[in-house]
Amino acid sequence: MGQVIFMGYNPIPGSVIFNALKGEKCIIMACNTRIIPGVTKGIFRSAKDLDSAILIELAKSECNLEGGYTGLTPAELSMRTYAAAGSVGLDIWALHADHIGVTKGTVEELNSVKELIAAQIDAGFTSFAIDASHLFNFDGRDAAEELAPNIDATIELARFIESEMGGSDFGLEVEVGEIGRTGESGMVLTTPEEAVVFIRSLNDAGIYPQVLAIANGSTHGNIFDKDGNPIEQVSIDIPRTKEVAKALRDNNLDVRIAQHGITGTPRRMIAEQFPHGDIIKGNVGTFWMNLVWDVLKEEQLDLYQRIWDWTIANYSAEGKSDVETFGKNSKFAIKEFFKELYSLDDETVAVLEDRAYEEAGEFIRAFKSEGSAEIVREYMRA
């Protein structure tokens, strides 16, 4: 393993966090920190002060063997995240591989994904999200036939993780329903039947995920109205989410829900409307990148302007405002400006850290996960 080891502050298995908290009315925040300096440490400081469990994650598109669009390989992400946890003294956290995507299901693709997973394991990841939701048999006669390609790929990759990890002591998230997919009548939502068939099929094969990601009306990233103005993420279908959770419980399937696409969701909605406990994991990703851009606009205007200009020059499209173009495509500038973003002066990094600290605290309170770390410690001691 290439990362620095800080005794007592290395990540614990995601399974320990999810199992310890599955009876609690809280949601654990999982942060896609695409730009690490200041941000990850600020999040960790907030988690420590509020005694909350926390996950750090990046998806296959963000972080892979070629660096993804963040410029981070699994080893690089791990090294920097381990170091941040050690510097803060954070003990209850997991390093999660978000959206390990499978879109074709070919032998070649699955072998490539296994190569990435092996690198993530070697780098010290302790939790994994297999996303084969794109594999859907539209000619299937029932849910089982429709989901069969997803089920088969998920089983194969889960067994690979288990063999590489030398056991089942790792976090496992799986996905049914392609998040953000639209059909003729709008957003395509995961049905309770699909969730039950999917998880039961995995259990029958000896695969027991702790977390299930579903399509429930959210979309990843920043969203905009028809005129290109940024809008809040309030399309999450809470009644459908509760229906899926109830169906899983009624069928004695021991799994909780992961809520993806929370960037732009008002914290008030999270605190008052989310079914805490039914949802156990909440992904917050693009929000942290937006935070970095806001700070750079204040502290490093020249760098911000160059990132803006590069994004507009490379991704502008007819009929799209510059604001929407930047909001949806500035993530691709991270790798382009990697050296500048990872050599920011101490003052700017300190501002990023303090801003991330405050915002993470707001999320943790909305997720009602204060004190969750001690519940995990008690579970581990028992």
Protein backbone atom coordinates (compact mmCIF):
# COMPACT_ATOMS: atom_id res chain seq x y z
CA MET A 1 0.00 0.00 0.00
CA GLY A 2 1.43 3.35 -1.01
CA GLN A 3 -0.32 5.74 1.37
CA VAL A 4 1.07 7.05 4.64
CA ILE A 5 -0.23 5.06 7.63
CA PHE A 6 -1.47 6.99 10.68
CA MET A 7 -2.08 4.51 13.46
CA GLY A 8 -5.64 4.79 14.71
CA TYR A 9 -6.80 7.14 11.94
CA ASN A 10 -6.93 4.87 8.91
CA PRO A 11 -10.35 4.16 7.34
CA ILE A 12 -12.51 1.41 8.76
CA PRO A 13 -14.66 -0.95 6.65
CA GLY A 14 -17.75 0.76 5.29
CA SER A 15 -19.72 -2.30 6.40
CA VAL A 16 -18.92 -1.49 10.03
CA ILE A 17 -20.33 2.02 9.69
CA PHE A 18 -23.46 0.92 7.82
CA ASN A 19 -24.18 -2.05 10.10
CA ALA A 20 -23.59 -0.08 13.28
CA LEU A 21 -26.01 2.64 12.21
CA LYS A 22 -28.69 0.65 10.39
CA GLY A 23 -31.10 1.02 13.30
CA GLU A 24 -30.44 4.74 13.77
CA LYS A 25 -32.38 7.68 12.34
CA CYS A 26 -29.40 9.27 10.68
CA ILE A 27 -27.73 9.59 7.29
CA ILE A 28 -23.98 9.39 6.80
CA MET A 29 -22.54 11.94 4.42
CA ALA A 30 -20.34 10.66 1.60
CA CYS A 31 -18.28 13.46 0.05
CA ASN A 32 -16.91 13.39 -3.49
CA THR A 33 -13.99 15.74 -2.85
CA ARG A 34 -12.78 16.30 -6.40
CA ILE A 35 -10.35 18.98 -5.26
CA ILE A 36 -8.67 17.98 -2.02
CA PRO A 37 -6.56 20.91 -0.66
CA GLY A 38 -8.37 22.45 2.30
CA VAL A 39 -11.71 20.82 1.50
CA THR A 40 -11.14 17.29 2.83
CA LYS A 41 -9.44 18.53 5.99
CA GLY A 42 -12.28 20.97 6.64
CA ILE A 43 -14.86 18.20 6.24
CA PHE A 44 -12.87 15.93 8.56
CA ARG A 45 -12.53 18.65 11.20
CA SER A 46 -16.28 19.14 11.16
CA ALA A 47 -16.92 15.39 11.40
CA LYS A 48 -14.57 15.15 14.37
CA ASP A 49 -16.07 18.13 16.21
CA LEU A 50 -19.62 16.82 15.69
CA ASP A 51 -18.51 13.20 16.29
CA SER A 52 -20.03 12.05 13.01
CA ALA A 53 -19.02 9.11 10.86
CA ILE A 54 -18.10 10.25 7.34
CA LEU A 55 -17.17 8.79 3.96
CA ILE A 56 -14.84 10.18 1.32
CA GLU A 57 -15.43 8.90 -2.19
CA LEU A 58 -14.78 9.43 -5.88
CA ALA A 59 -16.44 7.71 -8.81
CA LYS A 60 -14.73 5.74 -11.56
CA SER A 61 -15.11 8.71 -13.93
CA GLU A 62 -13.50 11.01 -11.36
CA CYS A 63 -10.66 8.81 -10.16
CA ASN A 64 -9.24 5.84 -12.06
CA LEU A 65 -5.95 4.35 -13.22
CA GLU A 66 -5.56 7.22 -15.71
CA GLY A 67 -6.55 9.86 -13.16
CA GLY A 68 -10.14 10.42 -14.32
CA TYR A 69 -11.24 14.00 -14.72
CA THR A 70 -9.84 14.97 -11.31
CA GLY A 71 -6.30 13.88 -12.15
CA LEU A 72 -6.33 11.59 -9.10
CA THR A 73 -5.50 7.89 -9.23
CA PRO A 74 -6.79 5.65 -6.42
CA ALA A 75 -3.34 5.69 -4.80
CA GLU A 76 -3.13 9.49 -4.96
CA LEU A 77 -6.62 9.98 -3.53
CA SER A 78 -5.88 7.49 -0.78
CA MET A 79 -2.54 9.04 0.17
CA ARG A 80 -3.96 12.55 0.45
CA THR A 81 -7.12 11.44 2.30
CA TYR A 82 -5.25 9.26 4.77
CA ALA A 83 -2.95 12.21 5.48
CA ALA A 84 -5.89 14.56 6.09
CA ALA A 85 -7.48 12.11 8.52
CA GLY A 86 -4.17 11.68 10.34
CA SER A 87 -3.62 15.42 10.64
CA VAL A 88 -7.10 15.90 12.11
CA GLY A 89 -7.13 12.73 14.22
CA LEU A 90 -10.34 11.35 12.71
CA ASP A 91 -11.00 7.70 13.53
CA ILE A 92 -14.47 6.85 12.15
CA TRP A 93 -14.43 7.19 8.39
CA ALA A 94 -14.35 5.03 5.28
CA LEU A 95 -12.75 5.43 1.86
CA HIS A 96 -15.45 4.56 -0.66
CA ALA A 97 -15.15 3.79 -4.37
CA ASP A 98 -18.24 5.52 -5.75
CA HIS A 99 -19.97 4.44 -8.99
CA ILE A 100 -17.71 1.66 -10.20
CA GLY A 101 -19.59 1.81 -13.45
CA VAL A 102 -20.36 -1.00 -15.89
CA THR A 103 -22.12 0.13 -19.07
CA LYS A 104 -21.60 -2.72 -21.56
CA GLY A 105 -21.13 -5.84 -19.49
CA THR A 106 -18.55 -7.34 -21.84
CA VAL A 107 -15.76 -9.58 -20.61
CA GLU A 108 -13.26 -6.90 -21.59
CA GLU A 109 -15.07 -4.20 -19.63
CA LEU A 110 -15.50 -6.38 -16.54
CA ASN A 111 -11.80 -7.29 -16.61
CA SER A 112 -10.91 -3.59 -16.85
CA VAL A 113 -13.19 -2.80 -13.90
CA LYS A 114 -11.58 -5.60 -11.89
CA GLU A 115 -8.18 -4.05 -12.57
CA LEU A 116 -9.44 -0.74 -11.15
CA ILE A 117 -10.96 -2.46 -8.11
CA ALA A 118 -7.67 -4.28 -7.43
CA ALA A 119 -5.87 -0.93 -7.50
CA GLN A 120 -8.44 0.58 -5.13
CA ILE A 121 -8.01 -2.30 -2.71
CA ASP A 122 -4.23 -2.00 -2.89
CA ALA A 123 -4.58 1.73 -2.18
CA GLY A 124 -6.56 1.08 1.00
CA PHE A 125 -10.19 1.61 -0.02
CA THR A 126 -12.60 0.06 2.48
CA SER A 127 -15.94 0.38 0.72
CA PHE A 128 -17.19 -0.08 -2.86
CA ALA A 129 -20.22 0.88 -4.97
CA ILE A 130 -20.89 -1.40 -7.93
CA ASP A 131 -23.01 0.44 -10.49
CA ALA A 132 -24.23 -1.85 -13.26
CA SER A 133 -27.58 -0.03 -13.46
CA HIS A 134 -27.02 0.79 -17.13
CA LEU A 135 -27.33 -2.93 -17.92
CA PHE A 136 -31.06 -3.39 -18.43
CA ASN A 137 -32.87 -5.88 -20.63
CA PHE A 138 -35.68 -3.83 -22.16
CA ASP A 139 -37.09 -6.99 -23.76
CA GLY A 140 -37.43 -8.80 -20.43
CA ARG A 141 -40.84 -10.27 -19.59
CA ASP A 142 -40.61 -9.37 -15.89
CA ALA A 143 -38.39 -7.55 -13.42
CA ALA A 144 -36.09 -10.54 -12.98
CA GLU A 145 -35.38 -10.77 -16.71
CA GLU A 146 -35.04 -7.01 -17.08
CA LEU A 147 -32.53 -6.82 -14.23
CA ALA A 148 -30.63 -10.02 -15.05
CA PRO A 149 -27.64 -8.29 -16.76
CA ASN A 150 -27.26 -5.92 -13.80
CA ILE A 151 -27.60 -8.79 -11.31
CA ASP A 152 -25.04 -10.96 -13.08
CA ALA A 153 -22.41 -8.20 -13.36
CA THR A 154 -22.97 -7.10 -9.76
CA ILE A 155 -22.54 -10.65 -8.45
CA GLU A 156 -19.36 -11.18 -10.45
CA LEU A 157 -17.75 -7.95 -9.24
CA ALA A 158 -18.89 -8.39 -5.63
CA ARG A 159 -17.34 -11.86 -5.56
CA PHE A 160 -14.16 -10.43 -7.01
CA ILE A 161 -13.98 -7.78 -4.26
CA GLU A 162 -14.59 -10.44 -1.61
CA SER A 163 -11.82 -12.65 -2.98
CA GLU A 164 -9.37 -9.75 -3.23
CA MET A 165 -10.23 -8.47 0.26
CA GLY A 166 -9.89 -11.96 1.72
CA GLY A 167 -13.37 -11.93 3.21
CA SER A 168 -16.54 -9.87 3.52
CA ASP A 169 -15.26 -7.08 5.76
CA PHE A 170 -15.90 -4.19 3.40
CA GLY A 171 -18.69 -1.77 2.57
CA LEU A 172 -20.84 -2.72 -0.41
CA GLU A 173 -23.28 -0.48 -2.24
CA VAL A 174 -25.17 -1.68 -5.32
CA GLU A 175 -27.50 0.13 -7.70
CA VAL A 176 -30.83 -0.62 -9.35
CA GLY A 177 -32.34 2.01 -11.61
CA GLU A 178 -30.13 4.35 -13.60
CA ILE A 179 -29.93 7.62 -11.67
CA GLY A 180 -30.97 10.61 -13.75
CA ARG A 181 -32.38 8.59 -16.68
CA THR A 182 -35.45 10.07 -18.31
CA GLY A 183 -38.14 8.45 -20.42
CA GLU A 184 -41.12 9.65 -22.42
CA SER A 185 -43.04 10.51 -19.25
CA GLY A 186 -40.14 12.10 -17.35
CA MET A 187 -37.74 10.71 -14.78
CA VAL A 188 -37.52 6.91 -14.65
CA LEU A 189 -37.91 5.78 -11.03
CA THR A 190 -36.91 2.51 -9.38
CA THR A 191 -40.00 0.49 -8.40
CA PRO A 192 -40.36 -1.34 -5.09
CA GLU A 193 -40.62 -4.60 -7.06
CA GLU A 194 -37.32 -3.94 -8.85
CA ALA A 195 -35.57 -3.22 -5.55
CA VAL A 196 -36.90 -6.42 -3.96
CA VAL A 197 -36.10 -8.64 -6.95
CA PHE A 198 -32.62 -7.14 -7.24
CA ILE A 199 -31.60 -7.50 -3.59
CA ARG A 200 -33.23 -10.93 -3.19
CA SER A 201 -31.34 -12.20 -6.26
CA LEU A 202 -28.06 -10.93 -4.82
CA ASN A 203 -28.80 -12.48 -1.43
CA ASP A 204 -29.65 -15.80 -3.08
CA ALA A 205 -26.18 -15.69 -4.64
CA GLY A 206 -24.53 -15.01 -1.27
CA ILE A 207 -24.05 -11.27 -1.85
CA TYR A 208 -25.30 -9.06 0.99
CA PRO A 209 -24.88 -5.33 0.29
CA GLN A 210 -25.56 -2.90 3.10
CA VAL A 211 -26.63 -0.06 0.79
CA LEU A 212 -28.81 0.22 -2.31
CA ALA A 213 -28.72 3.23 -4.62
CA ILE A 214 -32.00 3.84 -6.44
CA ALA A 215 -33.33 6.18 -9.11
CA ASN A 216 -35.76 8.37 -7.20
CA GLY A 217 -35.82 11.62 -9.13
CA SER A 218 -32.42 13.10 -8.35
CA THR A 219 -29.73 13.95 -10.87
CA HIS A 220 -26.00 14.28 -10.40
CA GLY A 221 -24.29 17.67 -10.46
CA ASN A 222 -25.63 21.19 -10.92
CA ILE A 223 -29.04 21.50 -12.55
CA PHE A 224 -30.53 24.36 -14.53
CA ASP A 225 -33.91 25.50 -15.82
CA LYS A 226 -34.76 25.83 -19.52
CA ASP A 227 -33.25 29.31 -19.55
CA GLY A 228 -29.92 28.15 -18.15
CA ASN A 229 -30.44 29.46 -14.62
CA PRO A 230 -29.23 27.32 -11.69
CA ILE A 231 -32.08 25.80 -9.66
CA GLU A 232 -32.41 23.79 -6.46
CA GLN A 233 -32.43 19.98 -6.49
CA VAL A 234 -35.94 19.34 -5.15
CA SER A 235 -37.11 16.64 -7.57
CA ILE A 236 -36.27 13.75 -5.21
CA ASP A 237 -39.40 11.63 -4.86
CA ILE A 238 -39.69 11.10 -1.11
CA PRO A 239 -42.88 8.98 -1.24
CA ARG A 240 -41.30 6.57 -3.76
CA THR A 241 -38.16 6.37 -1.61
CA LYS A 242 -40.28 5.41 1.41
CA GLU A 243 -42.19 2.84 -0.67
CA VAL A 244 -38.95 1.18 -1.75
CA ALA A 245 -37.64 1.13 1.82
CA LYS A 246 -40.90 -0.37 3.12
CA ALA A 247 -40.91 -3.07 0.44
CA LEU A 248 -37.37 -4.07 1.39
CA ARG A 249 -38.31 -4.24 5.08
CA ASP A 250 -41.53 -6.16 4.40
CA ASN A 251 -39.51 -8.76 2.50
CA ASN A 252 -36.91 -9.06 5.28
CA LEU A 253 -34.16 -7.69 3.05
CA ASP A 254 -31.53 -6.08 5.26
CA VAL A 255 -30.38 -3.13 3.16
CA ARG A 256 -30.73 0.65 3.38
CA ILE A 257 -30.88 3.33 0.67
CA ALA A 258 -28.16 5.60 -0.69
CA GLN A 259 -29.37 9.02 -1.80
CA HIS A 260 -27.34 10.32 -4.72
CA GLY A 261 -27.46 13.79 -6.27
CA ILE A 262 -27.83 16.01 -3.20
CA THR A 263 -25.89 18.99 -4.57
CA GLY A 264 -28.40 21.82 -4.66
CA THR A 265 -30.86 20.12 -2.30
CA PRO A 266 -31.82 22.59 0.46
CA ARG A 267 -30.57 21.43 3.83
CA ARG A 268 -34.02 22.27 5.17
CA MET A 269 -35.50 19.62 2.88
CA ILE A 270 -32.87 17.09 3.95
CA ALA A 271 -33.58 17.72 7.64
CA GLU A 272 -37.37 17.83 7.45
CA GLN A 273 -38.38 15.52 4.58
CA PHE A 274 -35.72 12.84 4.09
CA PRO A 275 -36.57 9.51 5.76
CA HIS A 276 -33.50 9.30 7.97
CA GLY A 277 -32.66 5.67 8.64
CA ASP A 278 -34.39 4.45 5.49
CA ILE A 279 -31.73 6.51 3.73
CA ILE A 280 -28.40 5.69 5.40
CA LYS A 281 -25.93 7.29 2.97
CA GLY A 282 -26.14 10.72 1.36
CA ASN A 283 -23.79 11.68 -1.48
CA VAL A 284 -22.62 15.28 -1.68
CA GLY A 285 -20.26 15.80 -4.61
CA THR A 286 -20.44 18.75 -6.99
CA PHE A 287 -21.24 21.01 -4.02
CA TRP A 288 -17.60 20.85 -2.88
CA MET A 289 -16.27 21.75 -6.33
CA ASN A 290 -18.66 24.72 -6.42
CA LEU A 291 -17.29 25.78 -3.04
CA VAL A 292 -13.75 25.78 -4.44
CA TRP A 293 -14.77 27.91 -7.43
CA ASP A 294 -16.52 30.40 -5.11
CA VAL A 295 -13.43 30.74 -2.93
CA LEU A 296 -11.12 31.11 -5.94
CA LYS A 297 -13.39 33.84 -7.28
CA GLU A 298 -12.75 35.70 -4.02
CA GLU A 299 -9.11 34.79 -3.33
CA GLN A 300 -7.54 33.83 -6.69
CA LEU A 301 -9.53 35.70 -9.34
CA ASP A 302 -6.91 35.29 -12.07
CA LEU A 303 -6.88 31.49 -11.66
CA TYR A 304 -10.67 31.37 -11.49
CA GLN A 305 -10.93 33.42 -14.68
CA ARG A 306 -8.55 31.11 -16.51
CA ILE A 307 -10.57 28.07 -15.40
CA TRP A 308 -13.75 29.80 -16.52
CA ASP A 309 -12.29 30.79 -19.91
CA TRP A 310 -10.90 27.28 -20.53
CA THR A 311 -14.26 25.67 -19.73
CA ILE A 312 -16.26 28.04 -21.93
CA ALA A 313 -13.78 27.72 -24.81
CA ASN A 314 -13.91 23.93 -24.73
CA TYR A 315 -17.53 23.19 -23.84
CA SER A 316 -19.77 26.05 -24.96
CA ALA A 317 -22.81 24.91 -26.93
CA GLU A 318 -25.47 26.74 -28.89
CA GLY A 319 -28.45 27.59 -26.77
CA LYS A 320 -26.59 27.10 -23.47
CA SER A 321 -25.70 30.01 -21.22
CA ASP A 322 -22.10 30.41 -20.07
CA VAL A 323 -23.28 29.87 -16.49
CA GLU A 324 -24.80 26.49 -17.39
CA THR A 325 -21.79 25.54 -19.50
CA PHE A 326 -19.45 26.27 -16.61
CA GLY A 327 -21.70 24.61 -14.03
CA LYS A 328 -21.90 21.37 -15.99
CA ASN A 329 -18.39 21.19 -17.41
CA SER A 330 -15.94 22.93 -15.08
CA LYS A 331 -15.23 19.54 -13.50
CA PHE A 332 -13.16 18.76 -16.60
CA ALA A 333 -10.90 21.73 -15.82
CA ILE A 334 -9.69 20.14 -12.59
CA LYS A 335 -7.20 17.87 -14.34
CA GLU A 336 -6.17 20.66 -16.71
CA PHE A 337 -5.35 22.98 -13.78
CA PHE A 338 -4.20 20.26 -11.36
CA LYS A 339 -0.79 21.82 -10.63
CA GLU A 340 -2.28 25.22 -9.84
CA LEU A 341 -5.05 23.76 -7.65
CA TYR A 342 -2.57 21.65 -5.69
CA SER A 343 -0.11 24.50 -5.16
CA LEU A 344 -2.50 27.12 -3.80
CA ASP A 345 -1.01 29.42 -1.16
CA ASP A 346 -1.59 28.66 2.51
CA GLU A 347 -4.02 31.55 2.94
CA THR A 348 -6.34 30.30 0.18
CA VAL A 349 -6.18 26.73 1.48
CA ALA A 350 -7.09 27.99 4.95
CA VAL A 351 -10.14 29.79 3.54
CA LEU A 352 -11.17 26.60 1.71
CA GLU A 353 -10.75 24.57 4.89
CA ASP A 354 -12.83 26.95 7.01
CA ARG A 355 -15.57 27.20 4.39
CA ALA A 356 -15.69 23.40 4.01
CA TYR A 357 -15.79 23.04 7.81
CA GLU A 358 -18.85 25.28 8.10
CA GLU A 359 -20.73 23.74 5.18
CA ALA A 360 -19.98 20.16 6.28
CA GLY A 361 -21.37 21.01 9.70
CA GLU A 362 -24.62 22.20 8.11
CA PHE A 363 -24.93 18.94 6.20
CA ILE A 364 -24.09 16.78 9.21
CA ARG A 365 -26.75 18.50 11.27
CA ALA A 366 -29.32 18.14 8.47
CA PHE A 367 -28.39 14.46 8.13
CA LYS A 368 -28.77 14.12 11.93
CA SER A 369 -25.52 12.19 12.17
CA GLU A 370 -24.05 14.05 15.14
CA GLY A 371 -22.80 11.46 17.64
CA SER A 372 -22.93 8.64 15.09
CA ALA A 373 -19.19 8.02 15.39
CA GLU A 374 -19.56 6.99 19.03
CA ILE A 375 -22.31 4.53 18.08
CA VAL A 376 -19.87 2.99 15.59
CA ARG A 377 -17.14 2.82 18.26
CA GLU A 378 -19.53 1.05 20.64
CA TYR A 379 -20.44 -1.41 17.88
CA MET A 380 -16.77 -2.12 17.25
CA ARG A 381 -16.07 -2.63 20.95
CA ALA A 382 -19.00 -5.04 21.24
